[in-house]
Amino acid sequence: MTSPVGWAIEEFAAAKINLALHVTGRRQDGLHLLDSLVAFAKVGDILRFADAEESSLDINGRFSAGLSSQSDNLVLRAAQSWRKHLGIKDKHAAITLNKNLPVASGIGGGSADAAATIRGLSRLWDIYLDIEQADLVAAELGADIAVCLRSSGCVMSGTGEVIDAIADLPTFPVVLANPGVPVSTADVFSALDLTKGCKAFSAMDTLPERSSLADWTAWLRRQRNDLQEAAVRLVPEIAECLVAIGGTEGCQLARMSGSGATCFALFETEAQAKAAAAEISAAQPEWWVTDTLVG
């Protein structure tokens, strides 16, 4: 294979944060129906693309250990599926993935990487990205890839295929923390008990309209993550993480994202978030902790 002289295209794969996640039902095929407020962080993985004679993937970064660069990797699967969908046979790309986000952590890292691959290859090959066509490929690869293609605030419902953009979602100063324990999404859904009470199968409340950060935070406090209790039963370290971030000065809300184990805390100011992240990092040096903006 000819090594690329330089990386022609760079794509950012933003961390996906489920600020609220309600389970609204379960289909006969076993797939769960969701109603989720999704936002994206200013932290994420970075993918670079260059024309090459053969397709390849190189993975580096803090969380690269244990990830395969073989054909079963979601990035290469996304590349192959997008090439096939476009009918491209004579173009290949060398891809490098800088893995900054923890794996199996409830913030859509793999899905964001796959979405960034579709965007990046479209730019590399100067092909218009038809979002409806990209959604067809995304649906074959994973439920969160369509929302990660957009990487902007939205409500995601159904099994992930219904996406409604939110134009006025504010930017939240947050701390993200992960205790370093991977969580299987399938295991969390299997542990979910939808018979426990009236909360099961209820959608989120009506979204605030043109409201302040404080109004949105107050609204979020009234919502929930229906996967959190099941995930905590499977991985008790999540509860420890929630207590740690929830106990920092200025924290307005602490909740798990997605199926975990990453948790987030909302703050009024970036300075508060930065101070909280420093405090948690000092107390838990093995955890992945960062302050960022989500919106």
C-alpha atoms as a PDB file:
ATOM      1  CA  MET A   1       0.000   0.000   0.000  1.00  0.00           C
ATOM      2  CA  THR A   2       1.200   3.510  -0.793  1.00  0.00           C
ATOM      3  CA  SER A   3       1.426   5.583   2.353  1.00  0.00           C
ATOM      4  CA  PRO A   4      -0.287   8.961   2.103  1.00  0.00           C
ATOM      5  CA  VAL A   5       2.045  11.955   2.047  1.00  0.00           C
ATOM      6  CA  GLY A   6      -0.274  14.019   4.212  1.00  0.00           C
ATOM      7  CA  TRP A   7      -3.734  13.849   5.714  1.00  0.00           C
ATOM      8  CA  ALA A   8      -6.130  15.570   3.354  1.00  0.00           C
ATOM      9  CA  ILE A   9      -9.245  15.658   5.542  1.00  0.00           C
ATOM     10  CA  GLU A  10      -9.860  15.805   9.290  1.00  0.00           C
ATOM     11  CA  GLU A  11     -13.198  15.119  10.995  1.00  0.00           C
ATOM     12  CA  PHE A  12     -14.192  15.614  14.623  1.00  0.00           C
ATOM     13  CA  ALA A  13     -16.321  12.879  16.218  1.00  0.00           C
ATOM     14  CA  ALA A  14     -18.037  14.630  19.106  1.00  0.00           C
ATOM     15  CA  ALA A  15     -19.093  12.813  22.264  1.00  0.00           C
ATOM     16  CA  LYS A  16     -22.868  12.279  22.314  1.00  0.00           C
ATOM     17  CA  ILE A  17     -24.561  13.096  25.619  1.00  0.00           C
ATOM     18  CA  ASN A  18     -28.056  11.884  26.470  1.00  0.00           C
ATOM     19  CA  LEU A  19     -29.158  14.695  28.765  1.00  0.00           C
ATOM     20  CA  ALA A  20     -32.403  12.787  29.310  1.00  0.00           C
ATOM     21  CA  LEU A  21     -33.363   9.314  28.140  1.00  0.00           C
ATOM     22  CA  HIS A  22     -36.832   7.842  28.603  1.00  0.00           C
ATOM     23  CA  VAL A  23     -37.791   4.329  27.554  1.00  0.00           C
ATOM     24  CA  THR A  24     -41.253   4.563  25.981  1.00  0.00           C
ATOM     25  CA  GLY A  25     -41.889   0.973  24.989  1.00  0.00           C
ATOM     26  CA  ARG A  26     -40.548  -2.251  23.565  1.00  0.00           C
ATOM     27  CA  ARG A  27     -41.304  -3.662  20.140  1.00  0.00           C
ATOM     28  CA  GLN A  28     -42.187  -7.296  19.509  1.00  0.00           C
ATOM     29  CA  ASP A  29     -38.709  -7.836  18.059  1.00  0.00           C
ATOM     30  CA  GLY A  30     -37.224  -6.837  21.426  1.00  0.00           C
ATOM     31  CA  LEU A  31     -35.913  -3.412  20.421  1.00  0.00           C
ATOM     32  CA  HIS A  32     -36.686  -0.650  22.896  1.00  0.00           C
ATOM     33  CA  LEU A  33     -38.322   2.634  21.949  1.00  0.00           C
ATOM     34  CA  LEU A  34     -36.746   5.788  23.347  1.00  0.00           C
ATOM     35  CA  ASP A  35     -37.413   9.486  23.810  1.00  0.00           C
ATOM     36  CA  SER A  36     -34.115  11.273  24.426  1.00  0.00           C
ATOM     37  CA  LEU A  37     -32.719  14.780  24.517  1.00  0.00           C
ATOM     38  CA  VAL A  38     -29.331  14.516  22.832  1.00  0.00           C
ATOM     39  CA  ALA A  39     -26.536  17.089  22.804  1.00  0.00           C
ATOM     40  CA  PHE A  40     -22.921  17.003  21.687  1.00  0.00           C
ATOM     41  CA  ALA A  41     -19.750  17.927  23.557  1.00  0.00           C
ATOM     42  CA  LYS A  42     -16.690  19.883  22.486  1.00  0.00           C
ATOM     43  CA  VAL A  43     -14.568  16.805  23.232  1.00  0.00           C
ATOM     44  CA  GLY A  44     -14.302  13.761  20.997  1.00  0.00           C
ATOM     45  CA  ASP A  45     -12.253  11.535  18.753  1.00  0.00           C
ATOM     46  CA  ILE A  46     -10.394  12.818  15.702  1.00  0.00           C
ATOM     47  CA  LEU A  47     -10.313  10.994  12.357  1.00  0.00           C
ATOM     48  CA  ARG A  48      -8.037  11.808   9.429  1.00  0.00           C
ATOM     49  CA  PHE A  49      -8.423  10.612   5.849  1.00  0.00           C
ATOM     50  CA  ALA A  50      -6.147  10.452   2.797  1.00  0.00           C
ATOM     51  CA  ASP A  51      -6.444   8.829  -0.614  1.00  0.00           C
ATOM     52  CA  ALA A  52      -4.639   5.500  -0.807  1.00  0.00           C
ATOM     53  CA  GLU A  53      -4.356   2.434  -3.015  1.00  0.00           C
ATOM     54  CA  GLU A  54      -5.953   0.231  -0.336  1.00  0.00           C
ATOM     55  CA  SER A  55      -8.270   0.827   2.582  1.00  0.00           C
ATOM     56  CA  SER A  56      -6.617   0.854   6.001  1.00  0.00           C
ATOM     57  CA  LEU A  57      -7.162   1.993   9.573  1.00  0.00           C
ATOM     58  CA  ASP A  58      -4.582   2.995  12.166  1.00  0.00           C
ATOM     59  CA  ILE A  59      -5.723   3.620  15.750  1.00  0.00           C
ATOM     60  CA  ASN A  60      -3.839   5.630  18.359  1.00  0.00           C
ATOM     61  CA  GLY A  61      -4.644   7.712  21.412  1.00  0.00           C
ATOM     62  CA  ARG A  62      -5.348   7.149  25.090  1.00  0.00           C
ATOM     63  CA  PHE A  63      -8.148   4.615  24.535  1.00  0.00           C
ATOM     64  CA  SER A  64      -6.742   2.781  21.517  1.00  0.00           C
ATOM     65  CA  ALA A  65      -5.676  -0.299  23.478  1.00  0.00           C
ATOM     66  CA  GLY A  66      -7.747  -3.347  22.653  1.00  0.00           C
ATOM     67  CA  LEU A  67      -9.432  -1.818  19.613  1.00  0.00           C
ATOM     68  CA  SER A  68      -9.106  -3.810  16.414  1.00  0.00           C
ATOM     69  CA  SER A  69      -8.119  -2.168  13.146  1.00  0.00           C
ATOM     70  CA  GLN A  70      -9.406  -5.152  11.190  1.00  0.00           C
ATOM     71  CA  SER A  71     -12.430  -5.209   8.910  1.00  0.00           C
ATOM     72  CA  ASP A  72     -14.886  -5.694  11.803  1.00  0.00           C
ATOM     73  CA  ASN A  73     -14.050  -2.238  13.191  1.00  0.00           C
ATOM     74  CA  LEU A  74     -17.070   0.052  12.887  1.00  0.00           C
ATOM     75  CA  VAL A  75     -15.007   2.733  11.124  1.00  0.00           C
ATOM     76  CA  LEU A  76     -13.967   0.334   8.353  1.00  0.00           C
ATOM     77  CA  ARG A  77     -17.464  -1.115   8.177  1.00  0.00           C
ATOM     78  CA  ALA A  78     -18.863   2.407   7.738  1.00  0.00           C
ATOM     79  CA  ALA A  79     -16.283   3.147   5.040  1.00  0.00           C
ATOM     80  CA  GLN A  80     -17.086  -0.054   3.173  1.00  0.00           C
ATOM     81  CA  SER A  81     -20.855   0.444   3.450  1.00  0.00           C
ATOM     82  CA  TRP A  82     -20.623   4.057   2.256  1.00  0.00           C
ATOM     83  CA  ARG A  83     -18.422   3.091  -0.713  1.00  0.00           C
ATOM     84  CA  LYS A  84     -20.851   0.319  -1.628  1.00  0.00           C
ATOM     85  CA  HIS A  85     -23.857   2.627  -1.299  1.00  0.00           C
ATOM     86  CA  LEU A  86     -22.196   5.214  -3.540  1.00  0.00           C
ATOM     87  CA  GLY A  87     -21.131   2.573  -6.049  1.00  0.00           C
ATOM     88  CA  ILE A  88     -17.457   3.507  -5.682  1.00  0.00           C
ATOM     89  CA  LYS A  89     -14.947   0.800  -6.568  1.00  0.00           C
ATOM     90  CA  ASP A  90     -11.818   2.703  -7.567  1.00  0.00           C
ATOM     91  CA  LYS A  91     -11.301   4.865  -4.465  1.00  0.00           C
ATOM     92  CA  HIS A  92      -9.792   3.875  -1.129  1.00  0.00           C
ATOM     93  CA  ALA A  93      -8.683   5.760   1.946  1.00  0.00           C
ATOM     94  CA  ALA A  94      -6.085   5.448   4.656  1.00  0.00           C
ATOM     95  CA  ILE A  95      -7.799   6.399   7.916  1.00  0.00           C
ATOM     96  CA  THR A  96      -6.298   7.197  11.274  1.00  0.00           C
ATOM     97  CA  LEU A  97      -8.402   7.335  14.429  1.00  0.00           C
ATOM     98  CA  ASN A  98      -7.187   9.247  17.456  1.00  0.00           C
ATOM     99  CA  LYS A  99      -9.253   7.600  20.198  1.00  0.00           C
ATOM    100  CA  ASN A 100      -9.745  10.204  22.930  1.00  0.00           C
ATOM    101  CA  LEU A 101     -13.056   8.895  24.290  1.00  0.00           C
ATOM    102  CA  PRO A 102     -13.403   5.828  26.523  1.00  0.00           C
ATOM    103  CA  VAL A 103     -14.841   2.734  24.862  1.00  0.00           C
ATOM    104  CA  ALA A 104     -18.297   1.311  25.699  1.00  0.00           C
ATOM    105  CA  SER A 105     -19.019   4.374  27.785  1.00  0.00           C
ATOM    106  CA  GLY A 106     -22.489   5.649  26.840  1.00  0.00           C
ATOM    107  CA  ILE A 107     -21.313   8.677  24.859  1.00  0.00           C
ATOM    108  CA  GLY A 108     -21.538   7.240  21.368  1.00  0.00           C
ATOM    109  CA  GLY A 109     -17.822   7.021  20.638  1.00  0.00           C
ATOM    110  CA  GLY A 110     -18.020   4.224  18.077  1.00  0.00           C
ATOM    111  CA  SER A 111     -21.156   5.660  16.485  1.00  0.00           C
ATOM    112  CA  ALA A 112     -19.591   9.125  16.311  1.00  0.00           C
ATOM    113  CA  ASP A 113     -16.498   7.618  14.659  1.00  0.00           C
ATOM    114  CA  ALA A 114     -18.641   5.842  12.053  1.00  0.00           C
ATOM    115  CA  ALA A 115     -20.585   9.019  11.340  1.00  0.00           C
ATOM    116  CA  ALA A 116     -17.372  11.011  11.026  1.00  0.00           C
ATOM    117  CA  THR A 117     -16.118   8.393   8.562  1.00  0.00           C
ATOM    118  CA  ILE A 118     -19.123   8.933   6.292  1.00  0.00           C
ATOM    119  CA  ARG A 119     -18.694  12.711   6.495  1.00  0.00           C
ATOM    120  CA  GLY A 120     -14.932  12.547   6.036  1.00  0.00           C
ATOM    121  CA  LEU A 121     -14.955  10.254   3.018  1.00  0.00           C
ATOM    122  CA  SER A 122     -17.611  12.409   1.378  1.00  0.00           C
ATOM    123  CA  ARG A 123     -15.348  15.441   1.772  1.00  0.00           C
ATOM    124  CA  LEU A 124     -12.236  13.527   0.685  1.00  0.00           C
ATOM    125  CA  TRP A 125     -13.890  12.357  -2.523  1.00  0.00           C
ATOM    126  CA  ASP A 126     -15.799  15.626  -3.071  1.00  0.00           C
ATOM    127  CA  ILE A 127     -19.181  13.923  -2.915  1.00  0.00           C
ATOM    128  CA  TYR A 128     -22.295  15.739  -1.736  1.00  0.00           C
ATOM    129  CA  LEU A 129     -23.475  14.250   1.551  1.00  0.00           C
ATOM    130  CA  ASP A 130     -27.147  13.453   1.101  1.00  0.00           C
ATOM    131  CA  ILE A 131     -28.234  13.062   4.710  1.00  0.00           C
ATOM    132  CA  GLU A 132     -31.228  10.886   3.811  1.00  0.00           C
ATOM    133  CA  GLN A 133     -28.989   8.504   1.871  1.00  0.00           C
ATOM    134  CA  ALA A 134     -26.445   8.517   4.696  1.00  0.00           C
ATOM    135  CA  ASP A 135     -29.231   7.636   7.132  1.00  0.00           C
ATOM    136  CA  LEU A 136     -29.927   4.459   5.133  1.00  0.00           C
ATOM    137  CA  VAL A 137     -26.333   3.344   5.640  1.00  0.00           C
ATOM    138  CA  ALA A 138     -26.367   4.471   9.273  1.00  0.00           C
ATOM    139  CA  ALA A 139     -29.445   2.344  10.002  1.00  0.00           C
ATOM    140  CA  GLU A 140     -27.587  -0.768   8.831  1.00  0.00           C
ATOM    141  CA  LEU A 141     -24.649  -0.060  11.143  1.00  0.00           C
ATOM    142  CA  GLY A 142     -26.100   1.143  14.453  1.00  0.00           C
ATOM    143  CA  ALA A 143     -28.944   3.059  16.088  1.00  0.00           C
ATOM    144  CA  ASP A 144     -26.931   6.124  17.159  1.00  0.00           C
ATOM    145  CA  ILE A 145     -25.047   6.770  13.924  1.00  0.00           C
ATOM    146  CA  ALA A 146     -27.797   8.843  12.302  1.00  0.00           C
ATOM    147  CA  VAL A 147     -27.909  11.312  15.192  1.00  0.00           C
ATOM    148  CA  CYS A 148     -24.101  11.459  15.244  1.00  0.00           C
ATOM    149  CA  LEU A 149     -24.107  12.346  11.542  1.00  0.00           C
ATOM    150  CA  ARG A 150     -25.809  15.593  12.548  1.00  0.00           C
ATOM    151  CA  SER A 151     -23.876  16.194  15.797  1.00  0.00           C
ATOM    152  CA  SER A 152     -26.261  18.905  16.986  1.00  0.00           C
ATOM    153  CA  GLY A 153     -28.895  19.172  19.681  1.00  0.00           C
ATOM    154  CA  CYS A 154     -32.048  17.185  18.980  1.00  0.00           C
ATOM    155  CA  VAL A 155     -34.743  14.921  20.303  1.00  0.00           C
ATOM    156  CA  MET A 156     -34.160  11.323  19.237  1.00  0.00           C
ATOM    157  CA  SER A 157     -37.068   8.889  19.375  1.00  0.00           C
ATOM    158  CA  GLY A 158     -38.253   5.548  18.041  1.00  0.00           C
ATOM    159  CA  THR A 159     -35.257   3.220  17.961  1.00  0.00           C
ATOM    160  CA  GLY A 160     -33.075   6.201  17.019  1.00  0.00           C
ATOM    161  CA  GLU A 161     -34.399   6.806  13.528  1.00  0.00           C
ATOM    162  CA  VAL A 162     -36.671   9.776  14.367  1.00  0.00           C
ATOM    163  CA  ILE A 163     -34.565  12.902  14.842  1.00  0.00           C
ATOM    164  CA  ASP A 164     -35.974  16.376  15.455  1.00  0.00           C
ATOM    165  CA  ALA A 165     -33.498  19.254  15.592  1.00  0.00           C
ATOM    166  CA  ILE A 166     -33.630  21.789  18.431  1.00  0.00           C
ATOM    167  CA  ALA A 167     -32.692  25.274  17.281  1.00  0.00           C
ATOM    168  CA  ASP A 168     -32.537  26.976  20.676  1.00  0.00           C
ATOM    169  CA  LEU A 169     -30.844  24.396  22.920  1.00  0.00           C
ATOM    170  CA  PRO A 170     -28.425  26.335  25.159  1.00  0.00           C
ATOM    171  CA  THR A 171     -24.785  25.450  25.728  1.00  0.00           C
ATOM    172  CA  PHE A 172     -24.249  23.759  29.093  1.00  0.00           C
ATOM    173  CA  PRO A 173     -20.952  23.889  31.011  1.00  0.00           C
ATOM    174  CA  VAL A 174     -20.430  20.280  32.109  1.00  0.00           C
ATOM    175  CA  VAL A 175     -18.064  17.800  33.661  1.00  0.00           C
ATOM    176  CA  LEU A 176     -17.871  14.344  32.106  1.00  0.00           C
ATOM    177  CA  ALA A 177     -16.526  11.526  34.255  1.00  0.00           C
ATOM    178  CA  ASN A 178     -16.038   7.833  33.566  1.00  0.00           C
ATOM    179  CA  PRO A 179     -14.800   5.427  36.265  1.00  0.00           C
ATOM    180  CA  GLY A 180     -12.977   3.262  33.741  1.00  0.00           C
ATOM    181  CA  VAL A 181     -15.413   0.352  33.602  1.00  0.00           C
ATOM    182  CA  PRO A 182     -16.877  -0.558  30.180  1.00  0.00           C
ATOM    183  CA  VAL A 183     -20.619  -1.195  30.078  1.00  0.00           C
ATOM    184  CA  SER A 184     -22.459  -3.415  27.617  1.00  0.00           C
ATOM    185  CA  THR A 185     -25.496  -1.610  26.212  1.00  0.00           C
ATOM    186  CA  ALA A 186     -27.173  -4.947  25.513  1.00  0.00           C
ATOM    187  CA  ASP A 187     -26.663  -6.040  29.127  1.00  0.00           C
ATOM    188  CA  VAL A 188     -28.164  -2.802  30.450  1.00  0.00           C
ATOM    189  CA  PHE A 189     -31.279  -3.150  28.296  1.00  0.00           C
ATOM    190  CA  SER A 190     -31.576  -6.793  29.353  1.00  0.00           C
ATOM    191  CA  ALA A 191     -31.474  -5.709  32.999  1.00  0.00           C
ATOM    192  CA  LEU A 192     -34.104  -3.012  32.466  1.00  0.00           C
ATOM    193  CA  ASP A 193     -37.294  -3.741  34.400  1.00  0.00           C
ATOM    194  CA  LEU A 194     -40.229  -2.098  32.643  1.00  0.00           C
ATOM    195  CA  THR A 195     -42.765  -3.540  35.076  1.00  0.00           C
ATOM    196  CA  LYS A 196     -41.585  -1.661  38.171  1.00  0.00           C
ATOM    197  CA  GLY A 197     -43.914   1.299  38.101  1.00  0.00           C
ATOM    198  CA  CYS A 198     -45.636   4.158  36.373  1.00  0.00           C
ATOM    199  CA  LYS A 199     -42.421   5.699  35.064  1.00  0.00           C
ATOM    200  CA  ALA A 200     -42.051   2.995  32.450  1.00  0.00           C
ATOM    201  CA  PHE A 201     -43.185   3.907  28.937  1.00  0.00           C
ATOM    202  CA  SER A 202     -43.555   7.638  29.604  1.00  0.00           C
ATOM    203  CA  ALA A 203     -42.098  10.206  27.207  1.00  0.00           C
ATOM    204  CA  MET A 204     -40.232  13.353  28.191  1.00  0.00           C
ATOM    205  CA  ASP A 205     -42.174  16.477  29.148  1.00  0.00           C
ATOM    206  CA  THR A 206     -42.773  19.149  26.510  1.00  0.00           C
ATOM    207  CA  LEU A 207     -39.510  20.979  25.820  1.00  0.00           C
ATOM    208  CA  PRO A 208     -38.987  24.504  27.134  1.00  0.00           C
ATOM    209  CA  GLU A 209     -39.430  27.198  24.490  1.00  0.00           C
ATOM    210  CA  ARG A 210     -36.775  29.895  24.056  1.00  0.00           C
ATOM    211  CA  SER A 211     -35.798  29.495  27.693  1.00  0.00           C
ATOM    212  CA  SER A 212     -32.680  30.312  29.667  1.00  0.00           C
ATOM    213  CA  LEU A 213     -29.988  27.900  30.793  1.00  0.00           C
ATOM    214  CA  ALA A 214     -31.592  27.862  34.239  1.00  0.00           C
ATOM    215  CA  ASP A 215     -35.000  26.993  32.765  1.00  0.00           C
ATOM    216  CA  TRP A 216     -33.540  24.119  30.743  1.00  0.00           C
ATOM    217  CA  THR A 217     -31.658  22.838  33.793  1.00  0.00           C
ATOM    218  CA  ALA A 218     -34.847  22.927  35.851  1.00  0.00           C
ATOM    219  CA  TRP A 219     -36.645  21.043  33.054  1.00  0.00           C
ATOM    220  CA  LEU A 220     -33.881  18.432  32.929  1.00  0.00           C
ATOM    221  CA  ARG A 221     -34.178  17.820  36.661  1.00  0.00           C
ATOM    222  CA  ARG A 222     -37.770  16.690  36.040  1.00  0.00           C
ATOM    223  CA  GLN A 223     -36.644  14.177  33.409  1.00  0.00           C
ATOM    224  CA  ARG A 224     -34.564  11.046  33.921  1.00  0.00           C
ATOM    225  CA  ASN A 225     -32.384   8.355  32.391  1.00  0.00           C
ATOM    226  CA  ASP A 226     -34.387   5.145  32.548  1.00  0.00           C
ATOM    227  CA  LEU A 227     -31.238   3.079  31.989  1.00  0.00           C
ATOM    228  CA  GLN A 228     -29.391   4.478  34.989  1.00  0.00           C
ATOM    229  CA  GLU A 229     -30.836   2.205  37.674  1.00  0.00           C
ATOM    230  CA  ALA A 230     -30.188  -0.952  35.638  1.00  0.00           C
ATOM    231  CA  ALA A 231     -26.658   0.178  34.795  1.00  0.00           C
ATOM    232  CA  VAL A 232     -25.857   0.909  38.443  1.00  0.00           C
ATOM    233  CA  ARG A 233     -26.980  -2.605  39.409  1.00  0.00           C
ATOM    234  CA  LEU A 234     -24.556  -4.022  36.860  1.00  0.00           C
ATOM    235  CA  VAL A 235     -21.709  -1.567  37.519  1.00  0.00           C
ATOM    236  CA  PRO A 236     -21.794  -0.100  41.057  1.00  0.00           C
ATOM    237  CA  GLU A 237     -18.903   2.223  40.169  1.00  0.00           C
ATOM    238  CA  ILE A 238     -21.438   4.363  38.298  1.00  0.00           C
ATOM    239  CA  ALA A 239     -23.132   5.239  41.582  1.00  0.00           C
ATOM    240  CA  GLU A 240     -19.749   6.240  43.017  1.00  0.00           C
ATOM    241  CA  CYS A 241     -19.166   8.445  39.999  1.00  0.00           C
ATOM    242  CA  LEU A 242     -22.562  10.126  40.365  1.00  0.00           C
ATOM    243  CA  VAL A 243     -21.914  10.859  44.023  1.00  0.00           C
ATOM    244  CA  ALA A 244     -18.494  12.320  43.223  1.00  0.00           C
ATOM    245  CA  ILE A 245     -19.620  14.706  40.501  1.00  0.00           C
ATOM    246  CA  GLY A 246     -22.894  15.509  42.228  1.00  0.00           C
ATOM    247  CA  GLY A 247     -21.060  16.606  45.355  1.00  0.00           C
ATOM    248  CA  THR A 248     -18.919  19.241  43.652  1.00  0.00           C
ATOM    249  CA  GLU A 249     -19.592  22.911  44.283  1.00  0.00           C
ATOM    250  CA  GLY A 250     -22.056  24.448  41.865  1.00  0.00           C
ATOM    251  CA  CYS A 251     -23.368  21.168  40.442  1.00  0.00           C
ATOM    252  CA  GLN A 252     -26.941  21.651  39.243  1.00  0.00           C
ATOM    253  CA  LEU A 253     -27.623  18.102  38.115  1.00  0.00           C
ATOM    254  CA  ALA A 254     -25.710  14.807  37.962  1.00  0.00           C
ATOM    255  CA  ARG A 255     -26.868  11.997  35.678  1.00  0.00           C
ATOM    256  CA  MET A 256     -25.586   9.075  33.651  1.00  0.00           C
ATOM    257  CA  SER A 257     -25.398   9.402  29.856  1.00  0.00           C
ATOM    258  CA  GLY A 258     -26.821   6.690  27.607  1.00  0.00           C
ATOM    259  CA  SER A 259     -26.185   3.210  28.955  1.00  0.00           C
ATOM    260  CA  GLY A 260     -23.135   4.376  30.950  1.00  0.00           C
ATOM    261  CA  ALA A 261     -20.709   4.382  32.533  1.00  0.00           C
ATOM    262  CA  THR A 262     -19.968   8.018  31.662  1.00  0.00           C
ATOM    263  CA  CYS A 263     -21.787  10.496  33.885  1.00  0.00           C
ATOM    264  CA  PHE A 264     -22.227  14.237  33.497  1.00  0.00           C
ATOM    265  CA  ALA A 265     -22.740  17.158  35.839  1.00  0.00           C
ATOM    266  CA  LEU A 266     -24.271  20.473  34.754  1.00  0.00           C
ATOM    267  CA  PHE A 267     -22.978  23.820  36.023  1.00  0.00           C
ATOM    268  CA  GLU A 268     -23.928  27.470  35.626  1.00  0.00           C
ATOM    269  CA  THR A 269     -20.446  28.602  34.591  1.00  0.00           C
ATOM    270  CA  GLU A 270     -17.400  27.200  32.829  1.00  0.00           C
ATOM    271  CA  ALA A 271     -15.243  28.207  35.793  1.00  0.00           C
ATOM    272  CA  GLN A 272     -17.330  26.034  38.128  1.00  0.00           C
ATOM    273  CA  ALA A 273     -17.054  23.084  35.746  1.00  0.00           C
ATOM    274  CA  LYS A 274     -13.292  23.499  35.429  1.00  0.00           C
ATOM    275  CA  ALA A 275     -12.840  23.623  39.206  1.00  0.00           C
ATOM    276  CA  ALA A 276     -15.050  20.553  39.675  1.00  0.00           C
ATOM    277  CA  ALA A 277     -13.133  18.577  37.050  1.00  0.00           C
ATOM    278  CA  ALA A 278      -9.844  19.413  38.741  1.00  0.00           C
ATOM    279  CA  GLU A 279     -11.222  18.311  42.110  1.00  0.00           C
ATOM    280  CA  ILE A 280     -12.507  14.981  40.800  1.00  0.00           C
ATOM    281  CA  SER A 281      -9.322  14.295  38.814  1.00  0.00           C
ATOM    282  CA  ALA A 282      -7.222  14.844  41.918  1.00  0.00           C
ATOM    283  CA  ALA A 283      -9.385  12.473  43.958  1.00  0.00           C
ATOM    284  CA  GLN A 284      -9.747   9.852  41.198  1.00  0.00           C
ATOM    285  CA  PRO A 285      -6.629   9.996  39.010  1.00  0.00           C
ATOM    286  CA  GLU A 286      -7.545   6.746  37.194  1.00  0.00           C
ATOM    287  CA  TRP A 287     -10.887   8.072  35.994  1.00  0.00           C
ATOM    288  CA  TRP A 288     -11.433   9.855  32.677  1.00  0.00           C
ATOM    289  CA  VAL A 289     -12.555  13.339  33.669  1.00  0.00           C
ATOM    290  CA  THR A 290     -12.943  16.483  31.590  1.00  0.00           C
ATOM    291  CA  ASP A 291     -14.768  19.775  31.671  1.00  0.00           C
ATOM    292  CA  THR A 292     -16.329  20.883  28.405  1.00  0.00           C
ATOM    293  CA  LEU A 293     -19.348  22.501  26.797  1.00  0.00           C
ATOM    294  CA  VAL A 294     -22.385  20.533  25.613  1.00  0.00           C
ATOM    295  CA  GLY A 295     -25.051  21.834  23.301  1.00  0.00           C
END
